[in-house]
N, C-alpha and C. Protein backbone atom coordinates (compact mmCIF):
# COMPACT_ATOMS: atom_id res chain seq x y z
N MET A 1 -0.57 48.02 19.40
CA MET A 1 -1.42 47.71 19.94
C MET A 1 -2.54 47.47 19.10
N GLY A 2 -3.20 46.53 19.33
CA GLY A 2 -4.42 45.31 18.52
C GLY A 2 -5.70 46.37 18.83
N THR A 3 -6.60 46.41 18.07
CA THR A 3 -8.35 46.90 18.74
C THR A 3 -9.06 45.76 18.96
N ALA A 4 -9.88 45.98 19.29
CA ALA A 4 -11.00 44.69 19.76
C ALA A 4 -12.03 45.05 18.65
N ASP A 5 -12.44 44.25 17.80
CA ASP A 5 -13.57 43.88 16.87
C ASP A 5 -14.73 42.85 16.94
N SER A 6 -15.83 43.31 16.82
CA SER A 6 -16.65 42.08 16.50
C SER A 6 -16.10 40.73 16.01
N PRO A 7 -16.71 40.32 16.90
CA PRO A 7 -16.06 38.68 15.94
C PRO A 7 -17.18 38.08 14.85
N GLU A 8 -16.21 37.45 14.04
CA GLU A 8 -16.93 36.92 12.74
C GLU A 8 -17.59 35.40 12.85
N PRO A 9 -18.93 35.86 12.76
CA PRO A 9 -19.98 34.72 12.96
C PRO A 9 -19.55 33.51 12.91
N VAL A 10 -19.90 32.08 13.15
CA VAL A 10 -19.27 31.11 13.15
C VAL A 10 -20.69 30.21 12.71
N LYS A 11 -20.30 28.27 11.97
CA LYS A 11 -21.49 27.87 12.00
C LYS A 11 -21.66 27.05 13.17
N LEU A 12 -23.18 27.25 13.74
CA LEU A 12 -23.21 26.31 14.97
C LEU A 12 -23.43 24.86 14.00
N MET A 13 -22.88 23.76 15.15
CA MET A 13 -23.08 22.49 14.81
C MET A 13 -23.68 22.21 16.52
N ILE A 14 -24.21 20.95 16.08
CA ILE A 14 -24.87 20.28 17.55
C ILE A 14 -24.34 18.75 17.57
N ALA A 15 -24.05 18.05 18.44
CA ALA A 15 -24.06 16.44 18.09
C ALA A 15 -25.14 16.08 18.97
N LEU A 16 -26.16 15.12 18.41
CA LEU A 16 -27.09 14.36 18.94
C LEU A 16 -26.31 13.19 19.26
N MET A 17 -27.06 12.65 20.56
CA MET A 17 -26.45 11.14 20.96
C MET A 17 -28.25 10.45 21.79
N ALA A 18 -28.64 9.22 21.36
CA ALA A 18 -29.02 8.73 22.06
C ALA A 18 -29.78 7.54 21.46
N GLN A 19 -30.80 6.49 22.20
CA GLN A 19 -30.60 5.21 22.12
C GLN A 19 -31.89 4.81 20.97
N ASN A 20 -31.87 5.38 20.62
CA ASN A 20 -32.79 5.42 19.17
C ASN A 20 -32.70 6.82 18.26
N LYS A 21 -33.31 6.11 16.86
CA LYS A 21 -33.83 7.86 16.31
C LYS A 21 -34.83 8.31 15.94
N GLU A 22 -35.61 7.83 17.04
CA GLU A 22 -37.13 9.06 17.17
C GLU A 22 -36.29 9.49 18.12
N MET A 23 -35.51 9.31 19.40
CA MET A 23 -35.33 10.81 20.38
C MET A 23 -34.20 11.25 19.34
N ILE A 24 -33.25 10.96 18.46
CA ILE A 24 -32.67 11.82 17.30
C ILE A 24 -33.88 12.66 17.12
N ALA A 25 -34.94 12.43 16.21
CA ALA A 25 -35.63 13.11 15.82
C ALA A 25 -36.45 14.50 16.59
N GLN A 26 -36.53 13.58 17.59
CA GLN A 26 -37.42 14.39 18.52
C GLN A 26 -36.09 15.77 19.13
N GLY A 27 -35.28 15.32 19.33
CA GLY A 27 -34.21 16.25 19.33
C GLY A 27 -33.98 17.35 18.48
N ARG A 28 -33.93 17.20 17.02
CA ARG A 28 -33.88 17.61 15.74
C ARG A 28 -35.18 18.91 15.55
N ILE A 29 -36.36 18.41 15.74
CA ILE A 29 -37.31 19.31 16.10
C ILE A 29 -36.96 20.36 17.03
N MET A 30 -37.07 20.13 18.41
CA MET A 30 -36.79 21.36 18.99
C MET A 30 -35.46 22.51 18.99
N LEU A 31 -34.44 21.53 18.48
CA LEU A 31 -33.04 22.52 17.92
C LEU A 31 -33.40 23.00 16.81
N GLY A 32 -34.51 22.78 15.88
CA GLY A 32 -34.58 23.41 15.25
C GLY A 32 -35.69 24.72 15.13
N THR A 33 -36.60 24.64 16.21
CA THR A 33 -37.50 25.49 16.56
C THR A 33 -36.49 26.74 17.61
N GLU A 34 -35.46 26.11 17.96
CA GLU A 34 -35.01 27.62 18.64
C GLU A 34 -33.79 27.58 17.62
N PHE A 35 -32.85 26.90 16.60
CA PHE A 35 -32.25 27.51 16.04
C PHE A 35 -32.42 27.43 14.67
N GLY A 36 -33.18 27.11 14.03
CA GLY A 36 -33.76 26.93 12.64
C GLY A 36 -33.35 25.93 11.78
N ASP A 37 -33.41 26.53 10.58
CA ASP A 37 -33.55 24.86 9.56
C ASP A 37 -32.26 24.32 9.99
N VAL A 38 -32.20 22.83 9.88
CA VAL A 38 -30.59 22.33 9.39
C VAL A 38 -30.43 22.38 8.28
N ASP A 39 -28.97 22.28 7.88
CA ASP A 39 -28.47 22.37 6.72
C ASP A 39 -27.56 21.27 6.54
N SER A 40 -27.34 20.35 6.97
CA SER A 40 -26.55 19.76 7.08
C SER A 40 -26.64 18.88 8.53
N GLU A 41 -26.39 17.32 7.69
CA GLU A 41 -26.66 16.44 9.16
C GLU A 41 -25.48 14.93 8.65
N SER A 42 -24.58 14.46 9.87
CA SER A 42 -23.99 13.51 9.15
C SER A 42 -24.86 12.18 9.23
N GLU A 43 -24.47 11.28 9.19
CA GLU A 43 -24.81 9.43 9.04
C GLU A 43 -25.16 9.24 10.38
N SER A 44 -26.08 8.52 10.71
CA SER A 44 -26.07 8.27 12.34
C SER A 44 -25.06 7.52 12.37
N TYR A 45 -24.33 6.90 13.61
CA TYR A 45 -23.67 5.79 13.97
C TYR A 45 -23.25 5.25 14.97
N PRO A 46 -23.24 3.95 15.54
CA PRO A 46 -23.49 3.46 16.82
C PRO A 46 -22.16 4.05 17.93
N PHE A 47 -22.34 4.86 18.77
CA PHE A 47 -21.15 5.24 19.23
C PHE A 47 -20.90 4.53 20.39
N SER A 48 -19.88 3.82 20.29
CA SER A 48 -18.76 2.73 20.63
C SER A 48 -17.54 2.70 21.26
N PHE A 49 -17.40 4.37 21.85
CA PHE A 49 -16.16 4.83 21.48
C PHE A 49 -15.31 4.94 23.39
N SER A 50 -16.77 4.79 24.15
CA SER A 50 -16.53 5.35 25.72
C SER A 50 -17.85 4.25 26.45
N ASP A 51 -17.65 3.97 27.48
CA ASP A 51 -18.92 3.45 28.21
C ASP A 51 -19.36 4.62 29.49
N TYR A 52 -18.81 6.00 28.90
CA TYR A 52 -19.37 7.32 30.20
C TYR A 52 -20.46 7.24 29.98
N TYR A 53 -21.03 7.19 29.45
CA TYR A 53 -22.48 7.52 28.99
C TYR A 53 -23.72 6.64 29.34
N GLN A 54 -23.54 5.04 29.65
CA GLN A 54 -24.18 4.32 29.77
C GLN A 54 -24.61 3.74 31.28
N LYS A 55 -24.21 4.51 31.53
CA LYS A 55 -25.00 4.12 33.27
C LYS A 55 -26.49 5.30 32.75
N GLU A 56 -26.06 6.58 32.71
CA GLU A 56 -27.09 7.45 33.10
C GLU A 56 -28.22 6.71 31.50
N MET A 57 -27.39 7.13 30.34
CA MET A 57 -28.40 7.07 29.28
C MET A 57 -28.68 5.35 28.59
N GLY A 58 -28.06 4.27 28.79
CA GLY A 58 -28.36 2.90 28.19
C GLY A 58 -26.97 2.68 27.58
N VAL A 59 -27.23 1.23 27.06
CA VAL A 59 -26.29 0.79 26.04
C VAL A 59 -26.91 0.99 24.60
N GLU A 60 -26.21 0.93 23.42
CA GLU A 60 -26.39 1.11 22.11
C GLU A 60 -26.91 2.40 21.63
N LEU A 61 -25.93 3.34 21.67
CA LEU A 61 -26.66 4.60 21.69
C LEU A 61 -25.50 4.81 19.75
N ILE A 62 -26.66 5.73 19.74
CA ILE A 62 -26.43 6.39 18.15
C ILE A 62 -26.10 7.59 18.33
N LYS A 63 -25.33 8.52 17.70
CA LYS A 63 -24.71 9.72 17.35
C LYS A 63 -25.11 10.44 16.16
N GLN A 64 -25.36 11.64 16.21
CA GLN A 64 -25.65 11.70 14.40
C GLN A 64 -24.78 14.00 15.00
N PHE A 65 -24.21 14.46 14.09
CA PHE A 65 -24.11 15.85 13.82
C PHE A 65 -25.03 16.46 12.67
N ILE A 66 -25.36 17.86 13.26
CA ILE A 66 -25.80 18.10 13.12
C ILE A 66 -25.55 19.88 12.51
N SER A 67 -25.94 20.62 11.25
CA SER A 67 -25.59 21.93 11.46
C SER A 67 -26.76 22.87 11.37
N PHE A 68 -26.80 24.19 11.28
CA PHE A 68 -27.76 24.86 11.00
C PHE A 68 -27.62 25.53 9.60
N LYS A 69 -28.38 26.29 9.16
CA LYS A 69 -28.74 27.30 7.98
C LYS A 69 -28.24 28.78 8.21
N ASP A 70 -28.58 29.20 9.65
CA ASP A 70 -28.18 30.49 10.24
C ASP A 70 -26.67 30.48 11.00
N THR A 71 -25.55 31.18 10.72
CA THR A 71 -24.70 31.79 11.60
C THR A 71 -24.56 32.05 12.40
N VAL A 72 -24.01 31.97 13.71
CA VAL A 72 -24.23 32.69 15.35
C VAL A 72 -22.78 33.61 15.22
N ASN A 73 -23.31 34.23 16.40
CA ASN A 73 -22.00 34.73 17.02
C ASN A 73 -21.01 33.92 17.83
N PRO A 74 -20.17 34.07 17.87
CA PRO A 74 -19.34 33.09 19.10
C PRO A 74 -19.35 33.33 20.11
N GLY A 75 -20.00 34.60 20.58
CA GLY A 75 -19.57 34.54 21.53
C GLY A 75 -21.37 34.24 22.55
N THR A 76 -22.30 33.57 21.47
CA THR A 76 -23.76 33.64 21.97
C THR A 76 -23.32 31.80 22.65
N LEU A 77 -21.91 30.98 22.37
CA LEU A 77 -22.07 29.80 22.52
C LEU A 77 -22.42 29.06 24.44
N SER A 78 -22.09 30.21 24.53
CA SER A 78 -22.18 29.63 26.90
C SER A 78 -24.13 29.79 26.81
N SER A 79 -24.55 30.52 25.89
CA SER A 79 -26.05 30.53 26.05
C SER A 79 -26.76 29.42 24.99
N ILE A 80 -25.83 29.18 24.30
CA ILE A 80 -26.78 27.74 23.68
C ILE A 80 -26.14 26.50 24.08
N LYS A 81 -25.43 26.72 24.93
CA LYS A 81 -25.16 25.30 25.65
C LYS A 81 -26.45 25.65 27.12
N HIS A 82 -26.86 26.52 27.61
CA HIS A 82 -27.83 26.55 28.74
C HIS A 82 -28.68 26.18 27.90
N ILE A 83 -29.27 26.35 26.50
CA ILE A 83 -30.75 26.30 26.18
C ILE A 83 -30.65 24.31 25.87
N THR A 84 -29.53 23.40 25.09
CA THR A 84 -29.72 22.40 25.19
C THR A 84 -29.32 21.36 26.41
N ASN A 85 -28.53 22.11 27.68
CA ASN A 85 -28.88 21.42 28.71
C ASN A 85 -30.25 21.66 29.09
N GLU A 86 -31.42 22.61 28.62
CA GLU A 86 -32.59 23.00 29.17
C GLU A 86 -33.42 21.63 28.69
N MET A 87 -33.05 22.02 27.11
CA MET A 87 -33.46 20.83 26.30
C MET A 87 -33.55 18.96 26.55
N GLU A 88 -32.68 19.20 27.16
CA GLU A 88 -32.02 17.56 27.66
C GLU A 88 -32.72 17.26 28.50
N MET A 89 -33.07 18.71 30.02
CA MET A 89 -34.14 17.97 30.61
C MET A 89 -35.23 17.97 30.64
N ASN A 90 -35.68 18.54 29.60
CA ASN A 90 -36.73 18.80 29.39
C ASN A 90 -37.14 17.20 28.61
N LEU A 91 -36.68 16.21 28.14
CA LEU A 91 -36.62 15.24 27.53
C LEU A 91 -35.98 14.51 28.43
N GLN A 92 -36.51 14.44 29.39
CA GLN A 92 -35.93 13.18 31.00
C GLN A 92 -36.27 12.58 30.56
N ARG A 93 -36.07 11.21 31.41
CA ARG A 93 -37.12 9.83 31.49
C ARG A 93 -38.62 10.43 31.78
N PRO A 94 -39.26 10.16 31.34
CA PRO A 94 -41.04 10.23 31.83
C PRO A 94 -41.35 9.11 32.91
N ASP A 95 -40.89 8.32 33.34
CA ASP A 95 -41.28 7.71 34.11
C ASP A 95 -40.46 8.16 35.70
N GLY A 96 -40.01 8.93 35.54
CA GLY A 96 -39.20 9.55 37.07
C GLY A 96 -37.91 8.69 37.40
N GLN A 97 -37.39 7.97 36.07
CA GLN A 97 -35.85 7.61 36.52
C GLN A 97 -35.25 8.58 36.22
N PRO A 98 -33.79 8.76 36.61
CA PRO A 98 -32.91 9.49 37.17
C PRO A 98 -32.41 8.80 35.41
N GLY A 99 -31.36 10.14 34.50
CA GLY A 99 -30.86 10.61 33.42
C GLY A 99 -31.34 10.91 32.21
N ARG A 100 -30.25 11.25 31.23
CA ARG A 100 -30.64 11.99 30.30
C ARG A 100 -31.52 10.30 28.65
N ARG A 101 -32.62 10.91 27.63
CA ARG A 101 -32.77 10.05 26.96
C ARG A 101 -31.93 11.23 25.92
N ILE A 102 -31.29 11.96 26.01
CA ILE A 102 -30.39 12.79 24.79
C ILE A 102 -29.33 13.67 25.31
N ASN A 103 -28.62 13.61 24.62
CA ASN A 103 -27.26 14.56 25.10
C ASN A 103 -27.32 15.31 23.92
N LEU A 104 -27.03 16.38 24.21
CA LEU A 104 -26.82 17.63 23.22
C LEU A 104 -25.52 17.93 23.35
N ASP A 105 -24.45 18.30 22.14
CA ASP A 105 -23.31 18.63 22.47
C ASP A 105 -23.17 20.18 21.24
N PRO A 106 -23.61 21.40 21.79
CA PRO A 106 -23.26 22.12 20.80
C PRO A 106 -22.35 22.78 20.67
N GLY A 107 -21.77 23.50 19.50
CA GLY A 107 -20.24 23.72 18.98
C GLY A 107 -20.26 24.34 17.88
N TYR A 108 -19.08 25.05 17.58
CA TYR A 108 -19.22 25.45 16.08
C TYR A 108 -18.36 24.99 15.21
N ILE A 109 -17.98 25.67 13.86
CA ILE A 109 -16.82 25.39 12.77
C ILE A 109 -16.63 26.86 12.22
N ASN A 110 -15.56 27.38 12.33
CA ASN A 110 -15.32 28.57 11.45
C ASN A 110 -14.53 28.18 10.39
N GLY A 111 -13.51 28.89 9.95
CA GLY A 111 -12.39 28.28 8.62
C GLY A 111 -11.23 27.87 9.22
N ALA A 112 -10.88 27.79 10.60
CA ALA A 112 -10.06 27.65 11.70
C ALA A 112 -10.11 26.35 12.52
N GLN A 113 -11.38 25.82 12.99
CA GLN A 113 -11.76 24.93 13.86
C GLN A 113 -12.79 24.75 14.11
N LEU A 114 -12.95 23.80 14.90
CA LEU A 114 -14.14 23.33 16.08
C LEU A 114 -14.33 23.16 17.27
N VAL A 115 -14.63 23.89 17.85
CA VAL A 115 -15.10 24.93 19.38
C VAL A 115 -16.28 23.37 19.93
N LEU A 116 -16.51 22.92 20.75
CA LEU A 116 -17.45 23.00 21.56
C LEU A 116 -17.70 23.67 23.10
N ALA A 117 -18.80 23.17 23.11
CA ALA A 117 -18.91 24.24 24.62
C ALA A 117 -18.98 23.22 25.82
N THR A 118 -18.70 22.62 26.61
CA THR A 118 -18.93 22.12 28.04
C THR A 118 -18.78 22.94 29.39
N THR A 119 -19.87 21.94 30.17
CA THR A 119 -19.41 22.71 31.98
C THR A 119 -18.75 22.45 32.20
N LYS A 120 -17.46 21.19 32.00
CA LYS A 120 -15.93 20.93 32.69
C LYS A 120 -15.30 21.60 32.34
N ASN A 121 -14.33 21.82 33.36
CA ASN A 121 -13.48 22.38 33.12
C ASN A 121 -11.80 21.77 33.12
N TYR A 122 -11.18 22.16 32.93
CA TYR A 122 -9.93 21.09 32.35
C TYR A 122 -8.76 22.05 31.88
N SER A 123 -7.51 21.76 31.94
CA SER A 123 -6.41 22.41 31.87
C SER A 123 -6.35 23.33 30.22
N HIS A 124 -6.83 22.55 29.43
CA HIS A 124 -6.66 23.11 27.80
C HIS A 124 -8.00 24.05 27.90
N ARG A 125 -8.92 23.89 28.48
CA ARG A 125 -10.31 24.82 28.28
C ARG A 125 -9.94 25.83 28.74
N LEU A 126 -10.93 27.49 28.43
CA LEU A 126 -11.11 28.01 28.35
C LEU A 126 -12.86 28.84 28.81
N TYR A 127 -12.50 29.27 29.87
CA TYR A 127 -14.37 30.10 30.38
C TYR A 127 -14.74 30.91 29.46
N LEU A 128 -15.89 30.70 29.14
CA LEU A 128 -16.50 31.69 28.07
C LEU A 128 -17.19 32.46 29.44
N ASP A 129 -18.57 31.61 29.85
CA ASP A 129 -19.76 32.64 30.41
C ASP A 129 -20.50 31.87 30.96
N GLN A 130 -20.72 32.24 32.04
CA GLN A 130 -21.99 31.59 32.72
C GLN A 130 -21.96 30.12 33.47
N GLY A 131 -20.61 29.75 33.57
CA GLY A 131 -20.31 28.28 34.28
C GLY A 131 -20.31 27.55 32.96
N ILE A 132 -19.89 27.85 31.66
CA ILE A 132 -19.76 27.31 30.48
C ILE A 132 -17.86 27.42 29.96
N TYR A 133 -17.69 26.15 29.64
CA TYR A 133 -16.24 26.76 28.64
C TYR A 133 -15.78 26.32 27.00
N GLY A 134 -14.82 26.86 26.42
CA GLY A 134 -15.18 26.49 25.65
C GLY A 134 -13.50 25.31 25.32
N GLU A 135 -13.76 24.54 24.69
CA GLU A 135 -12.43 23.38 23.91
C GLU A 135 -12.11 23.61 22.63
N VAL A 136 -11.14 23.91 21.75
CA VAL A 136 -10.98 23.85 20.69
C VAL A 136 -10.94 22.07 20.40
N THR A 137 -11.59 21.77 19.68
CA THR A 137 -11.64 20.30 19.23
C THR A 137 -10.83 19.49 18.20
N LEU A 138 -11.20 20.25 17.27
CA LEU A 138 -9.94 20.32 16.34
C LEU A 138 -9.69 21.55 15.50
N ILE A 139 -8.51 21.46 14.78
CA ILE A 139 -8.20 22.38 14.11
C ILE A 139 -7.99 22.41 12.53
N PHE A 140 -7.93 23.04 11.65
CA PHE A 140 -7.91 23.09 10.41
C PHE A 140 -6.19 23.26 9.72
N ARG A 141 -5.87 22.61 9.24
CA ARG A 141 -4.72 23.17 8.61
C ARG A 141 -4.39 21.78 7.75
N LYS A 142 -3.75 22.69 6.62
CA LYS A 142 -3.18 22.12 5.56
C LYS A 142 -3.93 21.38 4.73
N GLY A 143 -5.35 21.90 4.74
CA GLY A 143 -6.67 21.69 3.77
C GLY A 143 -7.47 20.39 4.49
N ASN A 144 -7.02 20.15 6.22
CA ASN A 144 -8.23 18.83 6.58
C ASN A 144 -7.85 19.08 7.97
N PHE A 145 -9.04 19.18 8.40
CA PHE A 145 -8.84 19.30 10.66
C PHE A 145 -8.03 18.06 11.29
N GLN A 146 -7.26 18.76 12.03
CA GLN A 146 -6.53 17.66 12.73
C GLN A 146 -6.90 17.59 14.18
N ALA A 147 -6.97 16.41 15.15
CA ALA A 147 -7.30 16.07 16.10
C ALA A 147 -5.81 16.86 16.77
N LEU A 148 -6.15 17.03 18.39
CA LEU A 148 -5.19 17.62 19.12
C LEU A 148 -5.28 16.61 20.48
N PRO A 149 -4.44 16.93 21.60
CA PRO A 149 -4.05 15.59 22.20
C PRO A 149 -5.60 15.07 23.10
N TRP A 150 -6.43 15.93 22.88
CA TRP A 150 -7.83 16.05 23.62
C TRP A 150 -9.16 15.71 23.34
N THR A 151 -8.90 15.68 21.52
CA THR A 151 -9.84 15.66 20.85
C THR A 151 -10.56 13.84 21.20
N TYR A 152 -12.11 13.76 21.60
CA TYR A 152 -12.66 12.74 21.57
C TYR A 152 -12.28 11.70 20.45
N PRO A 153 -12.46 10.61 20.83
CA PRO A 153 -11.98 9.59 19.71
C PRO A 153 -13.23 9.66 18.71
N ASP A 154 -14.56 9.88 18.90
CA ASP A 154 -15.32 10.15 17.65
C ASP A 154 -15.65 10.83 17.17
N TYR A 155 -14.44 12.08 17.56
CA TYR A 155 -14.62 13.73 17.06
C TYR A 155 -13.25 13.31 15.56
N LYS A 156 -12.38 12.18 15.59
CA LYS A 156 -11.23 11.72 14.96
C LYS A 156 -11.94 10.72 13.86
N THR A 157 -12.68 10.22 13.70
CA THR A 157 -12.87 9.56 12.71
C THR A 157 -13.02 9.55 11.17
N ASP A 158 -12.68 8.73 10.42
CA ASP A 158 -13.02 9.33 8.97
C ASP A 158 -14.00 10.28 8.86
N LEU A 159 -15.33 8.71 9.00
CA LEU A 159 -16.44 10.24 8.99
C LEU A 159 -17.00 11.29 9.11
N ALA A 160 -15.86 11.89 10.64
CA ALA A 160 -16.23 12.70 11.20
C ALA A 160 -15.52 13.90 10.32
N TYR A 161 -14.38 13.48 10.05
CA TYR A 161 -13.57 15.10 9.85
C TYR A 161 -13.97 15.05 8.16
N ALA A 162 -14.64 14.10 7.77
CA ALA A 162 -15.33 14.25 6.07
C ALA A 162 -15.96 15.36 6.93
N TYR A 163 -17.93 15.23 7.24
CA TYR A 163 -18.68 15.49 7.89
C TYR A 163 -18.19 16.94 8.36
N PHE A 164 -17.34 17.48 8.81
CA PHE A 164 -16.80 18.67 9.42
C PHE A 164 -16.05 19.70 8.38
N LYS A 165 -15.20 18.53 7.58
CA LYS A 165 -14.50 19.53 5.87
C LYS A 165 -15.94 19.86 5.33
N SER A 166 -17.49 19.12 5.03
CA SER A 166 -18.17 19.80 4.54
C SER A 166 -18.62 21.00 5.47
N VAL A 167 -19.14 21.06 6.55
CA VAL A 167 -19.72 21.64 6.89
C VAL A 167 -18.94 23.42 6.80
N ARG A 168 -17.56 22.96 7.36
CA ARG A 168 -16.93 23.80 7.04
C ARG A 168 -16.86 24.92 5.55
N GLN A 169 -16.90 24.44 4.42
CA GLN A 169 -17.18 24.29 3.12
C GLN A 169 -18.26 25.48 2.74
N LEU A 170 -19.22 24.94 3.40
CA LEU A 170 -20.99 25.55 3.86
C LEU A 170 -20.46 26.95 4.89
N PHE A 171 -19.91 26.62 5.31
CA PHE A 171 -19.71 28.21 6.26
C PHE A 171 -18.33 28.77 5.59
N LEU A 172 -17.68 28.51 4.91
CA LEU A 172 -16.59 29.57 4.13
C LEU A 172 -17.61 29.87 2.51
N THR A 173 -18.96 29.54 2.18
CA THR A 173 -19.48 29.83 1.28
C THR A 173 -20.68 31.08 1.62
N GLN A 174 -20.96 31.31 3.28
CA GLN A 174 -22.10 31.82 3.67
C GLN A 174 -21.25 33.05 4.18
N ARG A 175 -19.87 33.13 3.91
CA ARG A 175 -18.99 34.62 4.51
C ARG A 175 -19.13 35.65 3.99
């Protein structure tokens, strides 16, 4: 019989998406205040993989990934998702129009995987806590991250793979 141990800490990462770099910068400031220093950031890139967010957020969206210096307990992912959802609400359009000006998607990287938090249940997602589900989005195998059938298209680009691999390496040096 196995024994239940405390989980190893993981590397918090958050994807930020907005219509402009100024809103991304504002989101980063809020995230830094809540989660500490950012230790890594990807290049920002045009988000042209889906029109899912266009009605709510507009067109010509840009996206960027960041990670944080301090590791976190993976059991806090649902609480982190609630915090980022609240930040999104606080940054809603000031003119009273519906919709977000920024999308914040938290997750974590450890030696074996990249996990994202979501409010949406689906067949491959596991319930975490407080209405939040976890999804293993990428696995690390044979020296590289590998996509799964449900991996979002922008998480399986060369830019994303290279960035996540560098964050994984940062994580491994922190263990």
